[in-house]
C-alpha atoms as a PDB file:
ATOM      1  CA  MET A   1      -0.271  -0.226  -0.033  1.00  0.00           C
ATOM      2  CA  LEU A   2       1.876   3.408  -0.532  1.00  0.00           C
ATOM      3  CA  PRO A   3       0.779   7.033   0.631  1.00  0.00           C
ATOM      4  CA  ILE A   4      -1.519   8.771  -0.851  1.00  0.00           C
ATOM      5  CA  GLY A   5       1.077  11.644  -2.208  1.00  0.00           C
ATOM      6  CA  VAL A   6       3.449   8.687  -3.582  1.00  0.00           C
ATOM      7  CA  ALA A   7       0.257   7.621  -5.315  1.00  0.00           C
ATOM      8  CA  VAL A   8      -1.350  10.341  -6.442  1.00  0.00           C
ATOM      9  CA  SER A   9       2.235  11.678  -8.160  1.00  0.00           C
ATOM     10  CA  ALA A  10       2.690   8.587  -9.851  1.00  0.00           C
ATOM     11  CA  LEU A  11      -0.272   8.930 -11.247  1.00  0.00           C
ATOM     12  CA  THR A  12      -0.527  10.595 -15.426  1.00  0.00           C
ATOM     13  CA  ARG A  13      -1.461  13.877 -16.148  1.00  0.00           C
ATOM     14  CA  ALA A  14      -2.818  14.302 -19.384  1.00  0.00           C
ATOM     15  CA  THR A  15      -5.386  16.958 -21.071  1.00  0.00           C
ATOM     16  CA  GLY A  16      -9.099  15.889 -21.131  1.00  0.00           C
ATOM     17  CA  ASP A  17     -10.734  14.760 -24.295  1.00  0.00           C
ATOM     18  CA  ARG A  18     -14.647  15.195 -24.866  1.00  0.00           C
ATOM     19  CA  THR A  19     -15.290  14.419 -27.925  1.00  0.00           C
ATOM     20  CA  GLY A  20     -17.809  12.211 -27.808  1.00  0.00           C
ATOM     21  CA  TYR A  21     -19.418  13.465 -24.420  1.00  0.00           C
ATOM     22  CA  GLN A  22     -23.404  13.842 -24.466  1.00  0.00           C
ATOM     23  CA  ARG A  23     -24.843  14.990 -21.375  1.00  0.00           C
ATOM     24  CA  SER A  24     -28.130  13.631 -22.781  1.00  0.00           C
ATOM     25  CA  SER A  25     -26.108  10.549 -22.050  1.00  0.00           C
ATOM     26  CA  PHE A  26     -27.056  10.470 -18.619  1.00  0.00           C
ATOM     27  CA  ARG A  27     -30.151  10.075 -17.714  1.00  0.00           C
ATOM     28  CA  HIS A  28     -29.476   8.298 -14.589  1.00  0.00           C
ATOM     29  CA  TRP A  29     -30.597  12.125 -11.898  1.00  0.00           C
ATOM     30  CA  ASN A  30     -33.138  10.888  -9.604  1.00  0.00           C
ATOM     31  CA  THR A  31     -35.581  12.440  -7.908  1.00  0.00           C
ATOM     32  CA  GLY A  32     -33.445  13.815  -5.495  1.00  0.00           C
ATOM     33  CA  ALA A  33     -34.565  13.641  -1.318  1.00  0.00           C
ATOM     34  CA  ASN A  34     -37.570  15.619  -1.583  1.00  0.00           C
ATOM     35  CA  PRO A  35     -38.892  13.994  -5.078  1.00  0.00           C
ATOM     36  CA  SER A  36     -42.424  17.285  -4.520  1.00  0.00           C
ATOM     37  CA  ASP A  37     -39.576  20.185  -4.375  1.00  0.00           C
ATOM     38  CA  GLY A  38     -38.421  19.363  -8.628  1.00  0.00           C
ATOM     39  CA  CYS A  39     -34.925  19.473  -7.524  1.00  0.00           C
ATOM     40  CA  ASN A  40     -33.021  16.376  -8.911  1.00  0.00           C
ATOM     41  CA  THR A  41     -30.368  14.622  -7.067  1.00  0.00           C
ATOM     42  CA  ARG A  42     -28.076  16.772  -9.432  1.00  0.00           C
ATOM     43  CA  ALA A  43     -29.736  20.023  -8.626  1.00  0.00           C
ATOM     44  CA  GLU A  44     -29.762  19.451  -4.962  1.00  0.00           C
ATOM     45  CA  VAL A  45     -25.674  18.531  -5.206  1.00  0.00           C
ATOM     46  CA  LEU A  46     -25.104  21.959  -6.977  1.00  0.00           C
ATOM     47  CA  ILE A  47     -27.064  23.718  -3.762  1.00  0.00           C
ATOM     48  CA  ALA A  48     -25.030  21.678  -1.225  1.00  0.00           C
ATOM     49  CA  GLU A  49     -22.010  22.187  -2.265  1.00  0.00           C
ATOM     50  CA  ALA A  50     -22.417  26.322  -3.641  1.00  0.00           C
ATOM     51  CA  VAL A  51     -20.385  28.581  -1.732  1.00  0.00           C
ATOM     52  CA  GLN A  52     -22.955  31.189  -2.232  1.00  0.00           C
ATOM     53  CA  ALA A  53     -26.403  29.522  -3.003  1.00  0.00           C
ATOM     54  CA  PRO A  54     -27.990  30.067  -6.075  1.00  0.00           C
ATOM     55  CA  GLU A  55     -31.738  31.239  -6.397  1.00  0.00           C
ATOM     56  CA  VAL A  56     -34.163  27.901  -6.333  1.00  0.00           C
ATOM     57  CA  GLY A  57     -36.877  28.992  -9.122  1.00  0.00           C
ATOM     58  CA  PRO A  58     -39.794  26.890 -10.214  1.00  0.00           C
ATOM     59  CA  GLY A  59     -38.890  23.883 -10.468  1.00  0.00           C
ATOM     60  CA  CYS A  60     -35.927  23.978  -9.138  1.00  0.00           C
ATOM     61  CA  THR A  61     -34.415  25.847 -11.834  1.00  0.00           C
ATOM     62  CA  LEU A  62     -31.379  26.697  -9.966  1.00  0.00           C
ATOM     63  CA  THR A  63     -29.519  30.675 -11.674  1.00  0.00           C
ATOM     64  CA  GLY A  64     -26.733  32.328 -10.644  1.00  0.00           C
ATOM     65  CA  GLY A  65     -23.993  31.256  -6.910  1.00  0.00           C
ATOM     66  CA  LEU A  66     -20.990  30.372  -7.035  1.00  0.00           C
ATOM     67  CA  ARG A  67     -19.147  27.015  -6.015  1.00  0.00           C
ATOM     68  CA  TRP A  68     -15.524  25.143  -6.062  1.00  0.00           C
ATOM     69  CA  SER A  69     -14.966  23.384  -9.020  1.00  0.00           C
ATOM     70  CA  TYR A  70     -13.230  20.189  -8.473  1.00  0.00           C
ATOM     71  CA  SER A  71     -10.223  21.516 -10.364  1.00  0.00           C
ATOM     72  CA  SER A  72     -10.156  24.407  -7.275  1.00  0.00           C
ATOM     73  CA  LEU A  73     -11.276  26.943  -9.529  1.00  0.00           C
ATOM     74  CA  PRO A  74     -14.363  28.877  -8.627  1.00  0.00           C
ATOM     75  CA  CYS A  75     -17.401  28.658 -11.097  1.00  0.00           C
ATOM     76  CA  ALA A  76     -20.091  31.528 -10.892  1.00  0.00           C
ATOM     77  CA  GLY A  77     -23.590  29.609 -11.840  1.00  0.00           C
ATOM     78  CA  SER A  78     -24.447  25.864 -12.182  1.00  0.00           C
ATOM     79  CA  SER A  79     -25.598  25.553 -14.944  1.00  0.00           C
ATOM     80  CA  THR A  80     -22.978  23.501 -17.291  1.00  0.00           C
ATOM     81  CA  VAL A  81     -21.194  21.611 -14.504  1.00  0.00           C
ATOM     82  CA  PRO A  82     -20.263  18.185 -16.480  1.00  0.00           C
ATOM     83  CA  GLN A  83     -20.456  14.914 -14.848  1.00  0.00           C
ATOM     84  CA  LEU A  84     -17.683  13.263 -13.306  1.00  0.00           C
ATOM     85  CA  THR A  85     -16.503   9.275 -14.404  1.00  0.00           C
END
């Protein structure tokens, strides 16, 4: 077993390739913790992880807000958060 720092430093870095990616291929979002509020799991995670909460509109439409991306860079808004694999 390797210490985490050694294991991470052994990983090869490469530029991401999104060729062929289509968000519509990921239809697995369920109705979330409260099915009656209109927020699916994706929206609930965006709200929960926000540094500044987005405004939640009708049908759980999210606008504004601020969150940290998985690359540690700030991201404003929440309409283009990709799925991570």
